[in-house]
Amino acid sequence: MSVSSEIDVESVPPATGRPGAPVDSRRSVYGPEFWCAYVANTALMVAISLMYRYADFVLYLDGTEWTVGRIVGVGMIGSLVMRFFQGFGIDHFGPRKIWLGSMTLFVVSLLGHVWITSVDGPAIFLLRILYSTSVAGAFGASITSVSRSLPVARMAEVIGSLGTSGFIAMALGPQLGDYLCGHDTLTRGDLNTMFYVAAGLGALSLACAELATRGEARPRRRRRPPLVWLFRRYHPGSVMLLGVVMGISFVLPTTFLPAYTKELGIPRTGYFFIVYACTAFLARLATRRFPERVGVKPMIYLGLAAMVVSLLTYLPVRSESYLMLPGLFAGIAHAVLFPSVTAQGSSAFPNRYRGLGTTVMLAMLDIGTLIGAPLIGGLVQYSKTSHLPPYPTTFLVLGIGATAAGVIYAMSNRRAKTT
């Protein structure tokens, strides 16, 4: 691309909003549209957290932890494909179309699981791909919708505020999952009810998303440079590695915690998610303005430290009450790390490509899940065959990996300052 072409690209105004309007970093973003988005995200996250019992579904169909890891990992392929389209789609079509289409697909993918009878055929993998694709689209569109055209510190604040809905949902969804599926004799009727309830919550989220985006301005049609060129020019650097690490760490409690507690003879996971959600909610509110006051990078280091501690505190768990300790530190890590990493990565892109920037960072989370689900399942399975304590071995390996990623990030920042 020539120099003159680059100048033309740089002169294009943001994709939404009044062309040429200055961005006021102090303007109120907490209007009716935000709160409709908040309710939509809450309903979606309750449904997703209800799917933390997905391992029970796979195990009921005679699968193993390795089977769970493969299905969840393969499902992330759909999410990654969606990210590739989404980076262009949100900026070209607007968040509204992507959001509503994704929520419709979410409901369809959940209802399709009612007819699954085997983990050996392609159907369950296809439905998981559709499920992950829809979640990717909904998250990327909702985050872009509420945070576009904001500076990095304010963007971290707004993403964090929207994310508190997820913590509320995380306290409710697992309790609902325990009520529906947290008993010794699990039936197919229990599992089908779980999918029906999750689909109903998805329909509620769809309705609220429609209200949240009803007044959205249509994006301007204009020539766009190639995505590869955009990524090479604006890529966020080593913070992308932290996105992968977050994806790996998040998939542990959301997919494998029920299997871990079942191995310990603990039938319910409610304590963990109540503490996780409450801690994350309070930590998110308490640190909402910290990125503006102390910067984003100190928040990232704090979140990484809490993540490593949470992985290590799984080791002494012997009863349901012990789950509160890893839940405490996991909640802090999630509350602090996600908005900081997402904001730093996406802010590397200019406002008119903020949809692409958000998509890139969420794609890193998806890659972490794609790697993490089969990695954790494989570590557990390998440890069993090697006569090692399966889950303690897994927690230690993940803790060492997260620490190494933090060191790489710190070194790359130091190198960037000296150049």
Protein backbone atom coordinates (compact mmCIF):
# COMPACT_ATOMS: atom_id res chain seq x y z
CA MET A 1 0.00 0.00 0.00
CA SER A 2 1.38 3.39 -0.98
CA VAL A 3 2.01 6.32 1.33
CA SER A 4 -0.88 8.26 -0.20
CA SER A 5 -3.20 5.31 0.42
CA GLU A 6 -2.16 5.22 4.05
CA ILE A 7 -3.00 8.90 4.39
CA ASP A 8 -6.42 8.26 2.88
CA VAL A 9 -7.02 5.45 5.35
CA GLU A 10 -5.96 7.61 8.27
CA SER A 11 -8.33 10.40 7.28
CA VAL A 12 -11.49 8.28 7.45
CA PRO A 13 -13.69 9.19 10.47
CA PRO A 14 -15.00 6.61 12.94
CA ALA A 15 -17.53 4.07 11.67
CA THR A 16 -20.36 5.15 13.94
CA GLY A 17 -21.53 8.37 15.46
CA ARG A 18 -21.72 11.81 13.88
CA PRO A 19 -18.84 12.22 11.39
CA GLY A 20 -16.28 14.69 12.55
CA ALA A 21 -17.69 14.93 16.08
CA PRO A 22 -15.06 15.23 18.80
CA VAL A 23 -14.86 12.47 21.34
CA ASP A 24 -15.57 13.61 24.89
CA SER A 25 -13.83 11.17 27.21
CA ARG A 26 -15.95 12.38 30.13
CA ARG A 27 -19.34 12.05 28.45
CA SER A 28 -21.92 9.83 30.12
CA VAL A 29 -22.12 6.39 28.56
CA TYR A 30 -24.52 4.96 31.15
CA GLY A 31 -27.77 5.78 29.37
CA PRO A 32 -30.78 3.54 28.56
CA GLU A 33 -28.88 1.78 25.77
CA PHE A 34 -26.11 0.80 28.18
CA TRP A 35 -28.56 -0.62 30.72
CA CYS A 36 -30.41 -2.61 28.05
CA ALA A 37 -27.03 -3.99 27.02
CA TYR A 38 -26.34 -4.72 30.68
CA VAL A 39 -29.53 -6.79 31.07
CA ALA A 40 -28.83 -8.56 27.76
CA ASN A 41 -25.34 -9.45 28.92
CA THR A 42 -26.65 -10.63 32.30
CA ALA A 43 -29.19 -13.00 30.70
CA LEU A 44 -26.57 -14.29 28.27
CA MET A 45 -24.05 -14.88 31.04
CA VAL A 46 -26.57 -16.71 33.23
CA ALA A 47 -27.15 -19.06 30.29
CA ILE A 48 -23.41 -19.47 29.71
CA SER A 49 -22.69 -20.09 33.38
CA LEU A 50 -25.49 -22.64 33.41
CA MET A 51 -23.46 -24.38 30.69
CA TYR A 52 -20.64 -24.85 33.20
CA ARG A 53 -22.47 -28.16 33.65
CA TYR A 54 -21.64 -29.08 30.06
CA ALA A 55 -19.11 -31.63 31.31
CA ASP A 56 -21.96 -33.43 33.08
CA PHE A 57 -23.73 -33.69 29.73
CA VAL A 58 -20.67 -35.18 28.01
CA LEU A 59 -19.92 -37.56 30.88
CA TYR A 60 -23.58 -38.68 30.92
CA LEU A 61 -23.14 -39.71 27.29
CA ASP A 62 -20.16 -41.92 28.32
CA GLY A 63 -17.46 -39.37 27.49
CA THR A 64 -14.33 -38.60 29.54
CA GLU A 65 -12.47 -35.45 30.56
CA TRP A 66 -10.43 -35.80 27.38
CA THR A 67 -13.69 -35.94 25.40
CA VAL A 68 -14.88 -32.77 27.13
CA GLY A 69 -11.61 -31.04 26.27
CA ARG A 70 -11.80 -32.08 22.62
CA ILE A 71 -15.42 -30.94 22.18
CA VAL A 72 -14.86 -27.58 23.88
CA GLY A 73 -11.56 -27.07 22.07
CA VAL A 74 -12.99 -27.91 18.63
CA GLY A 75 -15.92 -25.65 19.40
CA MET A 76 -13.55 -22.72 19.66
CA ILE A 77 -12.72 -23.14 15.97
CA GLY A 78 -16.12 -21.66 15.25
CA SER A 79 -15.39 -18.83 17.63
CA LEU A 80 -12.10 -18.06 15.90
CA VAL A 81 -13.74 -18.14 12.47
CA MET A 82 -16.37 -15.75 13.82
CA ARG A 83 -13.64 -13.45 15.11
CA PHE A 84 -12.10 -13.31 11.64
CA PHE A 85 -15.43 -12.25 10.12
CA GLN A 86 -16.39 -10.16 13.14
CA GLY A 87 -13.45 -7.79 12.88
CA PHE A 88 -14.76 -6.75 9.47
CA GLY A 89 -18.45 -7.37 10.20
CA ILE A 90 -18.86 -5.09 13.23
CA ASP A 91 -17.10 -2.17 11.59
CA HIS A 92 -18.87 -2.73 8.24
CA PHE A 93 -22.41 -3.78 9.23
CA GLY A 94 -22.51 -2.31 12.74
CA PRO A 95 -22.69 -4.09 16.13
CA ARG A 96 -26.49 -4.43 15.96
CA LYS A 97 -26.69 -6.94 13.11
CA ILE A 98 -23.85 -9.05 14.47
CA TRP A 99 -25.28 -9.02 17.99
CA LEU A 100 -28.85 -9.98 17.03
CA GLY A 101 -27.73 -12.64 14.58
CA SER A 102 -25.38 -14.15 17.14
CA MET A 103 -28.08 -14.36 19.81
CA THR A 104 -30.44 -16.11 17.41
CA LEU A 105 -27.73 -18.67 16.65
CA PHE A 106 -27.10 -19.06 20.40
CA VAL A 107 -30.71 -20.12 21.05
CA VAL A 108 -30.71 -22.55 18.10
CA SER A 109 -27.42 -24.20 19.15
CA LEU A 110 -28.67 -24.83 22.69
CA LEU A 111 -31.96 -26.34 21.56
CA GLY A 112 -30.09 -28.63 19.17
CA HIS A 113 -28.35 -30.37 22.11
CA VAL A 114 -31.66 -31.88 23.20
CA TRP A 115 -31.44 -34.32 20.27
CA ILE A 116 -27.82 -35.36 20.85
CA THR A 117 -27.45 -38.99 21.98
CA SER A 118 -23.74 -39.69 21.42
CA VAL A 119 -20.38 -37.94 21.80
CA ASP A 120 -18.85 -39.95 18.95
CA GLY A 121 -20.63 -38.35 16.00
CA PRO A 122 -20.03 -34.97 14.36
CA ALA A 123 -23.33 -33.45 15.57
CA ILE A 124 -22.17 -32.55 19.08
CA PHE A 125 -18.99 -30.98 17.70
CA LEU A 126 -20.99 -28.96 15.16
CA LEU A 127 -23.41 -27.69 17.81
CA ARG A 128 -20.53 -26.72 20.08
CA ILE A 129 -18.97 -24.82 17.18
CA LEU A 130 -22.26 -22.97 16.60
CA TYR A 131 -22.54 -22.25 20.32
CA SER A 132 -19.01 -20.85 20.55
CA THR A 133 -19.52 -18.87 17.34
CA SER A 134 -22.64 -17.22 18.73
CA VAL A 135 -21.01 -16.36 22.06
CA ALA A 136 -18.05 -14.82 20.25
CA GLY A 137 -20.32 -12.68 18.09
CA ALA A 138 -22.48 -11.51 20.98
CA PHE A 139 -19.56 -10.55 23.22
CA GLY A 140 -17.61 -8.74 20.52
CA ALA A 141 -20.64 -6.79 19.33
CA SER A 142 -21.84 -5.83 22.81
CA ILE A 143 -18.41 -4.64 23.97
CA THR A 144 -17.89 -2.66 20.78
CA SER A 145 -21.39 -1.18 21.02
CA VAL A 146 -20.86 0.31 24.49
CA SER A 147 -17.19 1.28 24.25
CA ARG A 148 -16.48 2.49 20.74
CA SER A 149 -14.68 5.86 20.39
CA LEU A 150 -13.59 5.97 24.04
CA PRO A 151 -9.96 6.46 25.13
CA VAL A 152 -8.17 3.49 26.68
CA ALA A 153 -8.71 4.38 30.37
CA ARG A 154 -12.41 5.15 29.89
CA MET A 155 -12.79 2.11 27.68
CA ALA A 156 -11.40 -0.14 30.43
CA GLU A 157 -13.89 1.44 32.84
CA VAL A 158 -16.91 0.86 30.59
CA ILE A 159 -15.89 -2.70 29.66
CA GLY A 160 -15.43 -3.35 33.36
CA SER A 161 -18.84 -1.88 34.19
CA LEU A 162 -20.56 -4.02 31.56
CA GLY A 163 -18.62 -7.01 32.85
CA THR A 164 -20.13 -6.74 36.32
CA SER A 165 -23.29 -8.19 34.79
CA GLY A 166 -21.31 -11.33 34.12
CA PHE A 167 -20.36 -11.64 37.76
CA ILE A 168 -23.97 -11.31 38.85
CA ALA A 169 -24.84 -14.01 36.34
CA MET A 170 -21.96 -16.17 37.52
CA ALA A 171 -23.45 -16.19 41.02
CA LEU A 172 -26.88 -17.17 39.68
CA GLY A 173 -26.10 -19.59 36.85
CA PRO A 174 -24.11 -22.22 38.78
CA GLN A 175 -26.76 -22.23 41.53
CA LEU A 176 -29.35 -22.91 38.87
CA GLY A 177 -27.07 -25.58 37.44
CA ASP A 178 -26.68 -27.20 40.86
CA TYR A 179 -30.47 -27.17 41.27
CA LEU A 180 -31.07 -28.79 37.88
CA CYS A 181 -28.11 -31.17 37.68
CA GLY A 182 -26.31 -31.21 41.04
CA HIS A 183 -27.63 -34.51 42.37
CA ASP A 184 -26.38 -38.07 42.35
CA THR A 185 -28.86 -39.58 39.89
CA LEU A 186 -28.67 -37.37 36.83
CA THR A 187 -31.30 -38.04 34.14
CA ARG A 188 -31.55 -37.00 30.52
CA GLY A 189 -34.62 -34.99 31.46
CA ASP A 190 -32.51 -32.91 33.86
CA LEU A 191 -29.98 -32.17 31.13
CA ASN A 192 -32.66 -31.30 28.57
CA THR A 193 -34.24 -28.90 31.05
CA MET A 194 -30.85 -27.24 31.46
CA PHE A 195 -30.66 -26.59 27.71
CA TYR A 196 -34.27 -25.35 27.54
CA VAL A 197 -33.71 -22.88 30.39
CA ALA A 198 -30.47 -21.63 28.82
CA ALA A 199 -32.23 -21.15 25.46
CA GLY A 200 -35.00 -19.16 27.17
CA LEU A 201 -32.42 -16.88 28.76
CA GLY A 202 -30.83 -16.47 25.33
CA ALA A 203 -34.18 -15.34 23.93
CA LEU A 204 -34.45 -12.74 26.71
CA SER A 205 -30.94 -11.52 25.90
CA LEU A 206 -31.91 -11.24 22.23
CA ALA A 207 -34.88 -9.02 23.08
CA CYS A 208 -32.77 -6.72 25.27
CA ALA A 209 -30.03 -6.51 22.65
CA GLU A 210 -32.63 -5.36 20.14
CA LEU A 211 -33.63 -2.54 22.49
CA ALA A 212 -30.02 -1.61 23.25
CA THR A 213 -29.14 -1.13 19.58
CA ARG A 214 -32.42 0.21 18.18
CA GLY A 215 -31.03 3.74 17.74
CA GLU A 216 -27.68 2.67 16.30
CA ALA A 217 -26.49 4.74 13.34
CA ARG A 218 -25.75 2.84 10.16
CA PRO A 219 -22.01 2.58 9.49
CA ARG A 220 -20.66 4.58 6.57
CA ARG A 221 -19.72 2.54 3.52
CA ARG A 222 -16.13 3.18 2.49
CA ARG A 223 -13.07 1.49 1.13
CA ARG A 224 -11.22 -0.56 3.70
CA PRO A 225 -7.60 -1.69 3.70
CA PRO A 226 -6.81 -5.43 3.95
CA LEU A 227 -7.21 -6.95 7.43
CA VAL A 228 -3.67 -8.35 7.33
CA TRP A 229 -2.29 -4.89 6.68
CA LEU A 230 -4.35 -3.42 9.54
CA PHE A 231 -3.20 -6.11 11.94
CA ARG A 232 0.45 -5.74 11.00
CA ARG A 233 0.27 -1.99 11.48
CA TYR A 234 -1.71 -1.84 14.72
CA HIS A 235 -1.12 -5.22 16.40
CA PRO A 236 -1.02 -4.90 20.23
CA GLY A 237 2.20 -6.88 20.81
CA SER A 238 2.89 -9.08 23.83
CA VAL A 239 -0.43 -8.27 25.52
CA MET A 240 -1.95 -10.78 23.09
CA LEU A 241 -0.08 -13.54 24.93
CA LEU A 242 -1.87 -12.51 28.13
CA GLY A 243 -5.18 -12.89 26.31
CA VAL A 244 -4.25 -16.50 25.55
CA VAL A 245 -3.25 -17.10 29.18
CA MET A 246 -6.58 -15.67 30.37
CA GLY A 247 -8.45 -18.02 28.04
CA ILE A 248 -6.59 -21.03 29.45
CA SER A 249 -7.18 -20.00 33.05
CA PHE A 250 -10.87 -19.17 32.54
CA VAL A 251 -11.67 -22.54 30.96
CA LEU A 252 -10.51 -24.40 34.07
CA PRO A 253 -13.38 -23.49 36.45
CA THR A 254 -15.99 -23.08 33.73
CA THR A 255 -15.42 -26.54 32.23
CA PHE A 256 -13.45 -28.81 34.56
CA LEU A 257 -14.37 -27.69 38.08
CA PRO A 258 -17.44 -30.00 38.34
CA ALA A 259 -15.28 -32.98 37.30
CA TYR A 260 -12.58 -32.00 39.83
CA THR A 261 -15.03 -31.62 42.71
CA LYS A 262 -16.74 -34.88 41.77
CA GLU A 263 -13.38 -36.64 42.06
CA LEU A 264 -13.01 -35.18 45.56
CA GLY A 265 -16.52 -36.30 46.51
CA ILE A 266 -17.87 -32.73 46.52
CA PRO A 267 -21.27 -32.73 44.75
CA ARG A 268 -21.75 -28.96 44.41
CA THR A 269 -19.64 -26.06 43.12
CA GLY A 270 -21.90 -23.26 44.36
CA TYR A 271 -19.53 -21.88 47.01
CA PHE A 272 -16.79 -21.36 44.45
CA PHE A 273 -18.94 -19.40 42.02
CA ILE A 274 -20.71 -17.36 44.70
CA VAL A 275 -17.36 -16.20 46.11
CA TYR A 276 -15.91 -15.82 42.60
CA ALA A 277 -18.82 -13.67 41.43
CA CYS A 278 -19.16 -11.55 44.58
CA THR A 279 -15.42 -10.91 44.80
CA ALA A 280 -15.17 -10.09 41.11
CA PHE A 281 -18.17 -7.75 41.28
CA LEU A 282 -16.79 -5.84 44.28
CA ALA A 283 -13.25 -5.78 42.87
CA ARG A 284 -14.53 -4.50 39.54
CA LEU A 285 -16.43 -1.67 41.24
CA ALA A 286 -13.53 -0.83 43.56
CA THR A 287 -11.01 -0.66 40.70
CA ARG A 288 -13.31 0.89 38.09
CA ARG A 289 -11.32 4.15 37.94
CA PHE A 290 -7.90 2.65 38.66
CA PRO A 291 -6.87 2.44 34.97
CA GLU A 292 -7.38 6.20 34.72
CA ARG A 293 -5.52 6.90 37.96
CA VAL A 294 -2.62 4.41 38.03
CA GLY A 295 -2.56 3.11 34.46
CA VAL A 296 -3.50 -0.15 32.80
CA LYS A 297 -0.20 -2.03 33.13
CA PRO A 298 -0.12 -2.10 36.96
CA MET A 299 -3.64 -3.55 36.82
CA ILE A 300 -2.40 -6.28 34.49
CA TYR A 301 0.40 -7.26 36.87
CA LEU A 302 -2.03 -7.35 39.80
CA GLY A 303 -4.44 -9.55 37.85
CA LEU A 304 -1.70 -11.98 36.80
CA ALA A 305 -0.51 -12.37 40.40
CA ALA A 306 -4.06 -13.11 41.56
CA MET A 307 -4.45 -15.66 38.75
CA VAL A 308 -1.35 -17.61 39.80
CA VAL A 309 -2.42 -17.59 43.46
CA SER A 310 -5.88 -18.86 42.51
CA LEU A 311 -4.38 -21.81 40.64
CA LEU A 312 -2.21 -22.76 43.61
CA THR A 313 -5.05 -22.50 46.13
CA TYR A 314 -6.92 -25.30 44.36
CA LEU A 315 -4.33 -27.68 45.84
CA PRO A 316 -5.55 -27.76 49.49
CA VAL A 317 -9.26 -28.11 48.55
CA ARG A 318 -10.83 -30.96 50.53
CA SER A 319 -14.44 -29.79 51.00
CA GLU A 320 -16.94 -27.42 49.45
CA SER A 321 -16.02 -24.60 51.82
CA TYR A 322 -12.36 -24.81 50.72
CA LEU A 323 -13.48 -23.79 47.23
CA MET A 324 -13.99 -20.25 48.50
CA LEU A 325 -10.24 -19.57 48.53
CA PRO A 326 -9.50 -20.21 44.84
CA GLY A 327 -12.81 -18.53 44.05
CA LEU A 328 -11.66 -15.39 45.90
CA PHE A 329 -8.42 -14.98 43.94
CA ALA A 330 -9.94 -16.11 40.63
CA GLY A 331 -12.59 -13.40 41.03
CA ILE A 332 -9.95 -10.72 41.62
CA ALA A 333 -7.95 -11.93 38.62
CA HIS A 334 -10.96 -11.87 36.32
CA ALA A 335 -12.20 -8.49 37.54
CA VAL A 336 -8.86 -6.77 37.09
CA LEU A 337 -7.27 -8.62 34.18
CA PHE A 338 -10.00 -8.85 31.55
CA PRO A 339 -10.85 -5.15 31.09
CA SER A 340 -7.21 -4.09 31.38
CA VAL A 341 -5.89 -6.58 28.83
CA THR A 342 -8.82 -6.03 26.46
CA ALA A 343 -8.54 -2.25 26.66
CA GLN A 344 -4.78 -2.15 26.17
CA GLY A 345 -4.93 -4.50 23.22
CA SER A 346 -7.91 -2.96 21.43
CA SER A 347 -6.75 0.62 22.01
CA ALA A 348 -3.74 -0.09 19.82
CA PHE A 349 -6.20 0.29 16.93
CA PRO A 350 -7.72 3.69 16.01
CA ASN A 351 -11.39 4.35 16.78
CA ARG A 352 -12.69 3.47 13.33
CA TYR A 353 -11.13 0.00 13.68
CA ARG A 354 -12.04 -0.48 17.35
CA GLY A 355 -14.31 -3.39 16.39
CA LEU A 356 -11.30 -5.13 14.88
CA GLY A 357 -9.16 -4.32 17.92
CA THR A 358 -11.74 -5.74 20.33
CA THR A 359 -12.11 -8.78 18.11
CA VAL A 360 -8.37 -9.44 18.09
CA MET A 361 -8.23 -9.49 21.89
CA LEU A 362 -11.31 -11.66 22.25
CA ALA A 363 -9.80 -13.98 19.64
CA MET A 364 -6.78 -14.37 21.92
CA LEU A 365 -9.16 -15.53 24.66
CA ASP A 366 -10.66 -18.00 22.22
CA ILE A 367 -7.22 -19.30 21.28
CA GLY A 368 -6.56 -19.76 24.99
CA THR A 369 -9.74 -21.83 25.28
CA LEU A 370 -8.89 -23.73 22.11
CA ILE A 371 -5.50 -24.60 23.58
CA GLY A 372 -6.56 -24.79 27.21
CA ALA A 373 -9.52 -27.18 27.03
CA PRO A 374 -7.67 -30.08 25.37
CA LEU A 375 -4.49 -29.16 27.27
CA ILE A 376 -6.19 -29.44 30.66
CA GLY A 377 -8.11 -32.54 29.63
CA GLY A 378 -4.91 -34.08 28.29
CA LEU A 379 -2.92 -33.19 31.43
CA VAL A 380 -5.56 -34.78 33.65
CA GLN A 381 -5.70 -37.91 31.51
CA TYR A 382 -1.89 -38.18 31.21
CA SER A 383 -1.43 -37.70 34.95
CA LYS A 384 -3.89 -40.52 35.63
CA THR A 385 -2.05 -42.93 33.34
CA SER A 386 1.30 -41.83 34.82
CA HIS A 387 0.02 -42.39 38.40
CA LEU A 388 0.42 -38.69 39.24
CA PRO A 389 -2.20 -36.69 41.15
CA PRO A 390 -4.17 -35.53 38.08
CA TYR A 391 -5.60 -32.16 39.05
CA PRO A 392 -2.79 -30.98 41.39
CA THR A 393 -0.31 -31.67 38.59
CA THR A 394 -2.48 -29.68 36.20
CA PHE A 395 -2.77 -26.71 38.59
CA LEU A 396 1.01 -26.55 39.06
CA VAL A 397 1.72 -26.67 35.32
CA LEU A 398 -0.80 -23.90 34.64
CA GLY A 399 0.59 -21.75 37.46
CA ILE A 400 4.13 -22.04 36.09
CA GLY A 401 2.89 -21.18 32.59
CA ALA A 402 1.00 -18.08 33.77
CA THR A 403 4.08 -16.87 35.67
CA ALA A 404 6.26 -17.33 32.59
CA ALA A 405 3.79 -15.35 30.46
CA GLY A 406 3.90 -12.49 32.98
CA VAL A 407 7.70 -12.42 32.85
CA ILE A 408 7.65 -12.30 29.04
CA TYR A 409 5.15 -9.44 29.10
CA ALA A 410 7.22 -7.46 31.62
CA MET A 411 10.43 -7.99 29.63
CA SER A 412 8.80 -6.90 26.38
CA ASN A 413 7.51 -3.71 28.05
CA ARG A 414 10.95 -2.94 29.41
CA ARG A 415 12.47 -3.52 25.97
CA ALA A 416 9.87 -1.23 24.37
CA LYS A 417 10.78 1.59 26.78
CA THR A 418 14.48 1.38 25.94
CA THR A 419 13.96 1.44 22.16
